[in-house]
N, C-alpha and C. Protein backbone atom coordinates (compact mmCIF):
# COMPACT_ATOMS: atom_id res chain seq x y z
N MET A 1 -73.95 -23.71 12.33
CA MET A 1 -75.38 -23.56 12.29
C MET A 1 -75.99 -24.97 12.29
N ALA A 2 -75.42 -25.96 11.68
CA ALA A 2 -76.05 -27.27 11.61
C ALA A 2 -76.23 -27.88 12.98
N SER A 3 -75.26 -27.71 13.87
CA SER A 3 -75.43 -28.25 15.21
C SER A 3 -76.49 -27.49 15.98
N GLU A 4 -76.54 -26.19 15.76
CA GLU A 4 -77.58 -25.37 16.44
C GLU A 4 -78.99 -25.81 16.03
N VAL A 5 -79.21 -26.08 14.77
CA VAL A 5 -80.51 -26.55 14.32
C VAL A 5 -80.86 -27.89 14.96
N THR A 6 -79.85 -28.79 14.98
CA THR A 6 -80.07 -30.10 15.60
C THR A 6 -80.40 -30.01 17.08
N LEU A 7 -79.66 -29.13 17.74
CA LEU A 7 -79.90 -28.91 19.21
C LEU A 7 -81.30 -28.32 19.45
N LEU A 8 -81.72 -27.44 18.58
CA LEU A 8 -83.06 -26.83 18.74
C LEU A 8 -84.14 -27.88 18.43
N LEU A 9 -83.95 -28.73 17.48
CA LEU A 9 -84.88 -29.79 17.20
C LEU A 9 -85.03 -30.73 18.38
N HIS A 10 -83.88 -31.05 18.97
CA HIS A 10 -83.93 -31.96 20.17
C HIS A 10 -84.62 -31.22 21.35
N ALA A 11 -84.31 -29.97 21.51
CA ALA A 11 -84.91 -29.18 22.60
C ALA A 11 -86.42 -29.13 22.40
N HIS A 12 -86.87 -28.89 21.16
CA HIS A 12 -88.34 -28.86 20.86
C HIS A 12 -88.96 -30.22 21.18
N ARG A 13 -88.33 -31.29 20.75
CA ARG A 13 -88.81 -32.64 21.00
C ARG A 13 -88.93 -32.90 22.51
N ASP A 14 -87.98 -32.36 23.30
CA ASP A 14 -87.98 -32.54 24.73
C ASP A 14 -88.89 -31.59 25.48
N GLY A 15 -89.69 -30.76 24.74
CA GLY A 15 -90.70 -29.94 25.39
C GLY A 15 -90.39 -28.48 25.51
N ASP A 16 -89.22 -28.01 25.03
CA ASP A 16 -88.91 -26.60 25.08
C ASP A 16 -89.76 -25.84 24.04
N GLU A 17 -90.73 -25.08 24.53
CA GLU A 17 -91.65 -24.36 23.63
C GLU A 17 -90.99 -23.23 22.88
N ASN A 18 -89.93 -22.66 23.43
CA ASN A 18 -89.25 -21.59 22.76
C ASN A 18 -88.31 -22.05 21.65
N ALA A 19 -87.97 -23.34 21.64
CA ALA A 19 -87.04 -23.86 20.67
C ALA A 19 -87.55 -23.68 19.23
N ILE A 20 -88.83 -23.86 19.05
CA ILE A 20 -89.37 -23.80 17.69
C ILE A 20 -89.30 -22.38 17.16
N ASN A 21 -89.46 -21.37 18.05
CA ASN A 21 -89.30 -19.99 17.62
C ASN A 21 -87.86 -19.67 17.21
N ASP A 22 -86.92 -20.20 18.01
CA ASP A 22 -85.56 -19.99 17.65
C ASP A 22 -85.18 -20.75 16.39
N LEU A 23 -85.71 -21.92 16.20
CA LEU A 23 -85.51 -22.70 14.98
C LEU A 23 -86.03 -21.96 13.76
N THR A 24 -87.23 -21.40 13.89
CA THR A 24 -87.84 -20.67 12.80
C THR A 24 -87.02 -19.48 12.39
N ARG A 25 -86.50 -18.76 13.39
CA ARG A 25 -85.69 -17.56 13.13
C ARG A 25 -84.42 -17.97 12.36
N ILE A 26 -83.86 -19.14 12.59
CA ILE A 26 -82.66 -19.54 11.94
C ILE A 26 -82.94 -20.12 10.56
N ILE A 27 -83.94 -20.97 10.45
CA ILE A 27 -84.24 -21.75 9.23
C ILE A 27 -85.03 -20.98 8.20
N TYR A 28 -85.94 -20.15 8.64
CA TYR A 28 -86.85 -19.45 7.72
C TYR A 28 -86.16 -18.74 6.56
N PRO A 29 -85.14 -17.91 6.80
CA PRO A 29 -84.48 -17.23 5.68
C PRO A 29 -83.84 -18.22 4.69
N GLU A 30 -83.30 -19.30 5.20
CA GLU A 30 -82.69 -20.31 4.37
C GLU A 30 -83.72 -21.02 3.50
N LEU A 31 -84.84 -21.41 4.11
CA LEU A 31 -85.90 -22.03 3.34
C LEU A 31 -86.48 -21.06 2.33
N LYS A 32 -86.57 -19.81 2.69
CA LYS A 32 -87.16 -18.86 1.72
C LYS A 32 -86.21 -18.68 0.52
N ALA A 33 -84.91 -18.66 0.77
CA ALA A 33 -83.99 -18.56 -0.36
C ALA A 33 -84.06 -19.77 -1.25
N MET A 34 -84.21 -20.93 -0.65
CA MET A 34 -84.41 -22.18 -1.41
C MET A 34 -85.66 -22.16 -2.23
N ALA A 35 -86.74 -21.68 -1.61
CA ALA A 35 -88.00 -21.66 -2.31
C ALA A 35 -87.95 -20.70 -3.49
N ARG A 36 -87.21 -19.62 -3.39
CA ARG A 36 -87.04 -18.64 -4.50
C ARG A 36 -86.39 -19.34 -5.67
N ARG A 37 -85.49 -20.26 -5.41
CA ARG A 37 -84.71 -20.90 -6.49
C ARG A 37 -85.48 -22.04 -7.14
N ARG A 38 -86.57 -22.49 -6.55
CA ARG A 38 -87.24 -23.63 -7.09
C ARG A 38 -87.73 -23.38 -8.54
N SER A 39 -87.82 -24.43 -9.27
CA SER A 39 -88.29 -24.26 -10.69
C SER A 39 -89.56 -25.08 -10.86
N SER A 40 -90.58 -24.61 -10.18
CA SER A 40 -91.83 -25.43 -10.14
C SER A 40 -92.88 -25.04 -11.16
N GLY A 41 -92.82 -23.82 -11.68
CA GLY A 41 -93.86 -23.38 -12.59
C GLY A 41 -95.11 -22.98 -11.81
N SER A 42 -95.06 -22.98 -10.51
CA SER A 42 -96.20 -22.68 -9.65
C SER A 42 -96.39 -21.19 -9.55
N ALA A 43 -97.62 -20.75 -9.41
CA ALA A 43 -97.85 -19.32 -9.21
C ALA A 43 -97.61 -18.87 -7.79
N MET A 44 -97.41 -19.83 -6.90
CA MET A 44 -97.19 -19.55 -5.51
C MET A 44 -95.82 -18.91 -5.29
N GLY A 45 -95.78 -17.83 -4.51
CA GLY A 45 -94.50 -17.15 -4.27
C GLY A 45 -93.74 -17.89 -3.16
N ALA A 46 -92.49 -17.48 -2.97
CA ALA A 46 -91.58 -18.13 -2.01
C ALA A 46 -92.10 -17.96 -0.61
N THR A 47 -92.56 -16.77 -0.25
CA THR A 47 -93.03 -16.54 1.10
C THR A 47 -94.23 -17.43 1.42
N THR A 48 -95.17 -17.48 0.54
CA THR A 48 -96.34 -18.33 0.72
C THR A 48 -95.94 -19.79 0.85
N LEU A 49 -95.04 -20.21 0.01
CA LEU A 49 -94.59 -21.61 0.02
C LEU A 49 -93.93 -21.95 1.37
N VAL A 50 -93.06 -21.10 1.83
CA VAL A 50 -92.37 -21.37 3.09
C VAL A 50 -93.36 -21.31 4.25
N ASN A 51 -94.24 -20.32 4.24
CA ASN A 51 -95.26 -20.24 5.31
C ASN A 51 -96.15 -21.50 5.34
N GLU A 52 -96.61 -21.93 4.20
CA GLU A 52 -97.44 -23.13 4.13
C GLU A 52 -96.67 -24.37 4.61
N THR A 53 -95.39 -24.40 4.26
CA THR A 53 -94.51 -25.53 4.68
C THR A 53 -94.41 -25.53 6.17
N PHE A 54 -94.19 -24.36 6.80
CA PHE A 54 -94.09 -24.32 8.26
C PHE A 54 -95.40 -24.67 8.92
N VAL A 55 -96.50 -24.25 8.37
CA VAL A 55 -97.81 -24.63 8.93
C VAL A 55 -97.99 -26.13 8.97
N LYS A 56 -97.65 -26.78 7.82
CA LYS A 56 -97.77 -28.21 7.75
C LYS A 56 -96.75 -28.93 8.64
N LEU A 57 -95.55 -28.38 8.73
CA LEU A 57 -94.55 -28.99 9.65
C LEU A 57 -95.03 -28.94 11.13
N LEU A 58 -95.65 -27.84 11.47
CA LEU A 58 -96.01 -27.62 12.88
C LEU A 58 -97.44 -27.97 13.22
N SER A 59 -98.26 -28.29 12.20
CA SER A 59 -99.69 -28.50 12.49
C SER A 59 -99.99 -29.66 13.42
N GLY A 60 -99.13 -30.65 13.40
CA GLY A 60 -99.30 -31.77 14.29
C GLY A 60 -98.74 -31.50 15.70
N GLY A 61 -98.13 -30.35 15.86
CA GLY A 61 -97.57 -29.99 17.15
C GLY A 61 -96.23 -30.63 17.40
N ASP A 62 -95.70 -31.41 16.45
CA ASP A 62 -94.43 -32.10 16.63
C ASP A 62 -93.68 -32.08 15.32
N VAL A 63 -92.44 -31.69 15.38
CA VAL A 63 -91.56 -31.78 14.24
C VAL A 63 -90.78 -33.06 14.38
N SER A 64 -91.01 -34.00 13.42
CA SER A 64 -90.45 -35.37 13.59
C SER A 64 -88.97 -35.46 13.23
N ALA A 65 -88.41 -34.42 12.58
CA ALA A 65 -86.98 -34.48 12.21
C ALA A 65 -86.15 -34.37 13.46
N THR A 66 -85.05 -35.12 13.49
CA THR A 66 -84.16 -35.10 14.65
C THR A 66 -82.84 -34.34 14.39
N ASP A 67 -82.57 -34.00 13.13
CA ASP A 67 -81.39 -33.28 12.81
C ASP A 67 -81.63 -32.36 11.58
N ARG A 68 -80.68 -31.54 11.30
CA ARG A 68 -80.78 -30.59 10.21
C ARG A 68 -81.08 -31.24 8.90
N GLN A 69 -80.41 -32.36 8.61
CA GLN A 69 -80.57 -33.03 7.35
C GLN A 69 -81.99 -33.56 7.21
N GLN A 70 -82.49 -34.23 8.25
CA GLN A 70 -83.88 -34.72 8.22
C GLN A 70 -84.86 -33.55 8.05
N PHE A 71 -84.59 -32.46 8.72
CA PHE A 71 -85.50 -31.32 8.69
C PHE A 71 -85.63 -30.78 7.25
N PHE A 72 -84.49 -30.64 6.59
CA PHE A 72 -84.53 -30.09 5.19
C PHE A 72 -85.14 -31.12 4.23
N ALA A 73 -84.88 -32.41 4.42
CA ALA A 73 -85.46 -33.42 3.58
C ALA A 73 -86.96 -33.42 3.75
N LEU A 74 -87.43 -33.33 5.00
CA LEU A 74 -88.85 -33.28 5.30
C LEU A 74 -89.46 -32.00 4.70
N SER A 75 -88.73 -30.89 4.79
CA SER A 75 -89.24 -29.60 4.22
C SER A 75 -89.42 -29.74 2.69
N ALA A 76 -88.48 -30.40 2.04
CA ALA A 76 -88.59 -30.58 0.60
C ALA A 76 -89.84 -31.42 0.24
N THR A 77 -90.10 -32.46 0.99
CA THR A 77 -91.27 -33.26 0.74
C THR A 77 -92.55 -32.44 0.94
N ILE A 78 -92.57 -31.67 2.02
CA ILE A 78 -93.74 -30.87 2.27
C ILE A 78 -93.93 -29.75 1.23
N MET A 79 -92.84 -29.17 0.80
CA MET A 79 -92.92 -28.17 -0.30
C MET A 79 -93.54 -28.78 -1.52
N ARG A 80 -93.12 -30.00 -1.85
CA ARG A 80 -93.71 -30.69 -3.00
C ARG A 80 -95.20 -30.80 -2.87
N ARG A 81 -95.63 -31.26 -1.67
CA ARG A 81 -97.07 -31.45 -1.45
C ARG A 81 -97.84 -30.12 -1.53
N VAL A 82 -97.25 -29.07 -0.97
CA VAL A 82 -97.87 -27.75 -1.00
C VAL A 82 -98.03 -27.26 -2.42
N ILE A 83 -96.98 -27.41 -3.23
CA ILE A 83 -97.01 -26.95 -4.64
C ILE A 83 -98.07 -27.77 -5.39
N ILE A 84 -98.05 -29.06 -5.25
CA ILE A 84 -99.01 -29.91 -5.98
C ILE A 84 -100.42 -29.64 -5.55
N ASP A 85 -100.66 -29.45 -4.25
CA ASP A 85 -102.00 -29.10 -3.78
C ASP A 85 -102.47 -27.81 -4.37
N GLU A 86 -101.59 -26.80 -4.45
CA GLU A 86 -101.97 -25.50 -4.97
C GLU A 86 -102.29 -25.66 -6.49
N VAL A 87 -101.47 -26.41 -7.21
CA VAL A 87 -101.72 -26.61 -8.62
C VAL A 87 -103.05 -27.32 -8.86
N ARG A 88 -103.28 -28.35 -8.08
CA ARG A 88 -104.59 -29.07 -8.22
C ARG A 88 -105.76 -28.20 -7.91
N TYR A 89 -105.64 -27.35 -6.87
CA TYR A 89 -106.72 -26.46 -6.53
C TYR A 89 -106.99 -25.43 -7.64
N ALA A 90 -105.92 -24.88 -8.18
CA ALA A 90 -106.05 -23.82 -9.19
C ALA A 90 -106.59 -24.38 -10.52
N THR A 91 -106.38 -25.65 -10.75
CA THR A 91 -106.76 -26.20 -12.10
C THR A 91 -107.92 -27.15 -12.00
N ALA A 92 -108.55 -27.33 -10.88
CA ALA A 92 -109.62 -28.28 -10.72
C ALA A 92 -110.77 -27.95 -11.65
N ASP A 93 -111.26 -28.91 -12.40
CA ASP A 93 -112.34 -28.75 -13.33
C ASP A 93 -113.64 -28.29 -12.63
N LYS A 94 -113.84 -28.77 -11.42
CA LYS A 94 -115.08 -28.46 -10.73
C LYS A 94 -115.15 -26.99 -10.25
N ARG A 95 -114.01 -26.32 -10.26
CA ARG A 95 -113.98 -24.92 -9.79
C ARG A 95 -114.53 -23.98 -10.89
N ASN A 96 -115.26 -23.05 -10.47
CA ASN A 96 -115.72 -21.95 -11.34
C ASN A 96 -114.68 -20.88 -11.33
N ALA A 97 -114.42 -20.29 -12.53
CA ALA A 97 -113.40 -19.30 -12.63
C ALA A 97 -113.63 -18.18 -11.60
N ALA A 98 -114.86 -17.91 -11.29
CA ALA A 98 -115.15 -16.83 -10.31
C ALA A 98 -114.63 -17.18 -8.92
N ASP A 99 -114.39 -18.42 -8.62
CA ASP A 99 -113.91 -18.88 -7.35
C ASP A 99 -112.43 -18.65 -7.15
N ILE A 100 -111.72 -18.44 -8.23
CA ILE A 100 -110.28 -18.28 -8.17
C ILE A 100 -109.87 -16.87 -8.56
N PRO A 101 -109.27 -16.15 -7.63
CA PRO A 101 -108.83 -14.77 -7.99
C PRO A 101 -107.91 -14.78 -9.18
N LEU A 102 -108.11 -13.92 -10.10
CA LEU A 102 -107.27 -13.78 -11.27
C LEU A 102 -107.12 -15.11 -12.00
N ALA A 103 -108.23 -15.87 -12.10
CA ALA A 103 -108.20 -17.19 -12.70
C ALA A 103 -107.65 -17.23 -14.09
N GLU A 104 -107.91 -16.19 -14.87
CA GLU A 104 -107.43 -16.17 -16.23
C GLU A 104 -105.92 -16.22 -16.27
N GLU A 105 -105.25 -15.49 -15.38
CA GLU A 105 -103.75 -15.52 -15.35
C GLU A 105 -103.28 -16.81 -14.76
N GLN A 106 -103.91 -17.39 -13.76
CA GLN A 106 -103.45 -18.57 -13.15
C GLN A 106 -103.64 -19.82 -13.98
N VAL A 107 -104.68 -19.81 -14.78
CA VAL A 107 -104.94 -20.98 -15.56
C VAL A 107 -104.88 -20.70 -17.06
N ALA A 108 -103.96 -19.84 -17.43
CA ALA A 108 -103.75 -19.55 -18.85
C ALA A 108 -103.16 -20.84 -19.48
N ASP A 109 -103.16 -20.84 -20.80
CA ASP A 109 -102.69 -22.05 -21.50
C ASP A 109 -101.33 -22.50 -21.05
N GLU A 110 -100.37 -21.58 -20.96
CA GLU A 110 -99.03 -21.96 -20.54
C GLU A 110 -99.00 -22.45 -19.10
N THR A 111 -99.72 -21.72 -18.22
CA THR A 111 -99.77 -22.14 -16.82
C THR A 111 -100.46 -23.49 -16.69
N LEU A 112 -101.51 -23.70 -17.42
CA LEU A 112 -102.24 -24.96 -17.37
C LEU A 112 -101.32 -26.11 -17.80
N ALA A 113 -100.54 -25.89 -18.85
CA ALA A 113 -99.61 -26.88 -19.33
C ALA A 113 -98.57 -27.17 -18.24
N SER A 114 -98.07 -26.13 -17.55
CA SER A 114 -97.11 -26.32 -16.47
C SER A 114 -97.79 -27.09 -15.33
N ALA A 115 -99.03 -26.74 -15.02
CA ALA A 115 -99.73 -27.39 -13.94
C ALA A 115 -99.95 -28.87 -14.24
N GLU A 116 -100.33 -29.17 -15.45
CA GLU A 116 -100.54 -30.56 -15.83
C GLU A 116 -99.21 -31.34 -15.80
N PHE A 117 -98.13 -30.66 -16.19
CA PHE A 117 -96.79 -31.27 -16.15
C PHE A 117 -96.45 -31.56 -14.67
N LEU A 118 -96.68 -30.59 -13.76
CA LEU A 118 -96.37 -30.81 -12.33
C LEU A 118 -97.16 -32.00 -11.79
N ILE A 119 -98.40 -32.07 -12.11
CA ILE A 119 -99.24 -33.18 -11.63
C ILE A 119 -98.73 -34.51 -12.16
N GLU A 120 -98.29 -34.51 -13.39
CA GLU A 120 -97.68 -35.76 -13.97
C GLU A 120 -96.36 -36.07 -13.28
N VAL A 121 -95.56 -35.05 -13.04
CA VAL A 121 -94.28 -35.25 -12.28
C VAL A 121 -94.57 -35.86 -10.93
N ASP A 122 -95.57 -35.35 -10.25
CA ASP A 122 -95.95 -35.88 -8.94
C ASP A 122 -96.35 -37.32 -9.02
N ARG A 123 -97.13 -37.68 -10.04
CA ARG A 123 -97.61 -39.07 -10.19
C ARG A 123 -96.40 -39.98 -10.40
N VAL A 124 -95.51 -39.60 -11.30
CA VAL A 124 -94.32 -40.43 -11.61
C VAL A 124 -93.39 -40.50 -10.39
N LEU A 125 -93.28 -39.37 -9.67
CA LEU A 125 -92.44 -39.35 -8.46
C LEU A 125 -92.99 -40.27 -7.41
N THR A 126 -94.30 -40.34 -7.30
CA THR A 126 -94.91 -41.28 -6.31
C THR A 126 -94.55 -42.72 -6.67
N GLN A 127 -94.52 -43.05 -7.95
CA GLN A 127 -94.11 -44.40 -8.40
C GLN A 127 -92.63 -44.61 -8.06
N LEU A 128 -91.84 -43.59 -8.31
CA LEU A 128 -90.40 -43.71 -8.07
C LEU A 128 -90.15 -43.90 -6.58
N GLU A 129 -90.90 -43.25 -5.71
CA GLU A 129 -90.75 -43.45 -4.27
C GLU A 129 -90.88 -44.89 -3.89
N ALA A 130 -91.80 -45.58 -4.51
CA ALA A 130 -92.01 -47.01 -4.17
C ALA A 130 -90.84 -47.87 -4.58
N GLU A 131 -90.16 -47.44 -5.69
CA GLU A 131 -89.03 -48.22 -6.20
C GLU A 131 -87.70 -47.83 -5.56
N ASP A 132 -87.45 -46.51 -5.43
CA ASP A 132 -86.22 -46.06 -4.89
C ASP A 132 -86.42 -44.72 -4.18
N PRO A 133 -86.71 -44.77 -2.88
CA PRO A 133 -87.02 -43.54 -2.14
C PRO A 133 -85.92 -42.48 -2.20
N LYS A 134 -84.66 -42.92 -2.24
CA LYS A 134 -83.55 -41.95 -2.23
C LYS A 134 -83.53 -41.14 -3.53
N LEU A 135 -83.86 -41.79 -4.68
CA LEU A 135 -83.99 -41.02 -5.95
C LEU A 135 -85.11 -40.01 -5.87
N ALA A 136 -86.22 -40.44 -5.30
CA ALA A 136 -87.37 -39.53 -5.16
C ALA A 136 -87.02 -38.36 -4.24
N GLN A 137 -86.31 -38.61 -3.16
CA GLN A 137 -85.91 -37.52 -2.27
C GLN A 137 -84.98 -36.55 -2.95
N ALA A 138 -84.07 -37.06 -3.75
CA ALA A 138 -83.14 -36.19 -4.45
C ALA A 138 -83.91 -35.30 -5.42
N PHE A 139 -84.90 -35.87 -6.12
CA PHE A 139 -85.67 -35.07 -7.05
C PHE A 139 -86.49 -34.01 -6.29
N GLU A 140 -87.11 -34.37 -5.18
CA GLU A 140 -87.87 -33.41 -4.40
C GLU A 140 -87.00 -32.25 -3.93
N CYS A 141 -85.84 -32.60 -3.46
CA CYS A 141 -84.90 -31.59 -3.01
C CYS A 141 -84.52 -30.64 -4.11
N ARG A 142 -84.13 -31.15 -5.21
CA ARG A 142 -83.67 -30.29 -6.31
C ARG A 142 -84.79 -29.58 -7.04
N TYR A 143 -85.86 -30.28 -7.37
CA TYR A 143 -86.89 -29.70 -8.21
C TYR A 143 -87.97 -28.91 -7.44
N PHE A 144 -88.50 -29.48 -6.38
CA PHE A 144 -89.56 -28.82 -5.69
C PHE A 144 -89.08 -27.82 -4.61
N ALA A 145 -87.97 -28.10 -3.95
CA ALA A 145 -87.45 -27.26 -2.91
C ALA A 145 -86.39 -26.30 -3.43
N GLY A 146 -85.89 -26.56 -4.64
CA GLY A 146 -84.91 -25.62 -5.18
C GLY A 146 -83.55 -25.75 -4.59
N PHE A 147 -83.27 -26.88 -3.88
CA PHE A 147 -81.96 -27.05 -3.26
C PHE A 147 -80.82 -27.14 -4.30
N THR A 148 -79.66 -26.66 -3.92
CA THR A 148 -78.44 -26.81 -4.71
C THR A 148 -77.97 -28.28 -4.53
N VAL A 149 -76.98 -28.66 -5.33
CA VAL A 149 -76.40 -29.99 -5.17
C VAL A 149 -75.86 -30.16 -3.77
N SER A 150 -75.20 -29.13 -3.28
CA SER A 150 -74.63 -29.20 -1.91
C SER A 150 -75.73 -29.35 -0.84
N GLU A 151 -76.77 -28.58 -0.95
CA GLU A 151 -77.85 -28.69 0.00
C GLU A 151 -78.58 -30.03 -0.11
N THR A 152 -78.70 -30.52 -1.30
CA THR A 152 -79.32 -31.87 -1.51
C THR A 152 -78.44 -32.92 -0.85
N ALA A 153 -77.15 -32.86 -1.06
CA ALA A 153 -76.25 -33.80 -0.44
C ALA A 153 -76.33 -33.77 1.04
N GLU A 154 -76.39 -32.61 1.59
CA GLU A 154 -76.48 -32.44 3.05
C GLU A 154 -77.81 -33.04 3.55
N SER A 155 -78.88 -32.75 2.87
CA SER A 155 -80.20 -33.24 3.33
C SER A 155 -80.29 -34.75 3.26
N LEU A 156 -79.67 -35.32 2.24
CA LEU A 156 -79.73 -36.78 2.06
C LEU A 156 -78.57 -37.52 2.75
N GLU A 157 -77.63 -36.72 3.35
CA GLU A 157 -76.48 -37.30 4.00
C GLU A 157 -75.63 -38.12 3.07
N VAL A 158 -75.35 -37.60 1.87
CA VAL A 158 -74.53 -38.26 0.87
C VAL A 158 -73.53 -37.26 0.37
N SER A 159 -72.53 -37.73 -0.40
CA SER A 159 -71.55 -36.80 -0.99
C SER A 159 -72.25 -35.99 -2.11
N GLU A 160 -71.59 -34.89 -2.46
CA GLU A 160 -72.11 -34.08 -3.58
C GLU A 160 -72.18 -34.85 -4.88
N ARG A 161 -71.16 -35.65 -5.13
CA ARG A 161 -71.12 -36.49 -6.34
C ARG A 161 -72.29 -37.48 -6.36
N THR A 162 -72.59 -38.09 -5.22
CA THR A 162 -73.71 -39.02 -5.12
C THR A 162 -75.03 -38.25 -5.36
N ALA A 163 -75.10 -37.07 -4.80
CA ALA A 163 -76.32 -36.21 -5.00
C ALA A 163 -76.51 -35.92 -6.45
N GLU A 164 -75.40 -35.62 -7.14
CA GLU A 164 -75.50 -35.35 -8.60
C GLU A 164 -75.97 -36.59 -9.38
N ARG A 165 -75.42 -37.77 -8.98
CA ARG A 165 -75.85 -39.00 -9.64
C ARG A 165 -77.31 -39.32 -9.37
N LEU A 166 -77.73 -39.13 -8.17
CA LEU A 166 -79.17 -39.36 -7.81
C LEU A 166 -80.06 -38.46 -8.60
N TRP A 167 -79.67 -37.17 -8.70
CA TRP A 167 -80.46 -36.20 -9.46
C TRP A 167 -80.56 -36.55 -10.92
N ALA A 168 -79.39 -36.95 -11.47
CA ALA A 168 -79.40 -37.37 -12.90
C ALA A 168 -80.28 -38.61 -13.14
N ALA A 169 -80.17 -39.54 -12.25
CA ALA A 169 -80.96 -40.80 -12.40
C ALA A 169 -82.45 -40.50 -12.21
N ALA A 170 -82.76 -39.65 -11.28
CA ALA A 170 -84.18 -39.33 -10.98
C ALA A 170 -84.84 -38.59 -12.16
N ARG A 171 -84.07 -37.73 -12.79
CA ARG A 171 -84.63 -37.00 -13.93
C ARG A 171 -84.95 -37.98 -15.06
């Protein structure tokens, strides 16, 4: 499957309009399973997260990843942004509770604490990116995208042991 994803990414980059449909058919179930495993504390469901990730991936009309590993690493980064944007939207002080469906459930004390924690994680992760991008990528893969150690290793093109060390150091 890895080579098929890479071939489809290259075909899409070379102008094959059908390649992105084939890529979506192959990758979507895998991304959805990963999104289900994530431990974000977000109220967003796996389907919405994956759909929003695809919209952002394709909104520029070009998928910049050239292989399977880059695609999944890019997906993890986008999932992080989608989750953080959703959390910021749901907890924005300027929003009136009437503007947010089921606001009481979304911004309950526990959820608000989780949201504030996620925003703080994002802030610290942004600082970590400046110091050590590989550590930040490992954290994104594991925490925001719900990748396993094996999937993280594949996305970062490192051994599983290195992925475990990166995850431990990033935490």
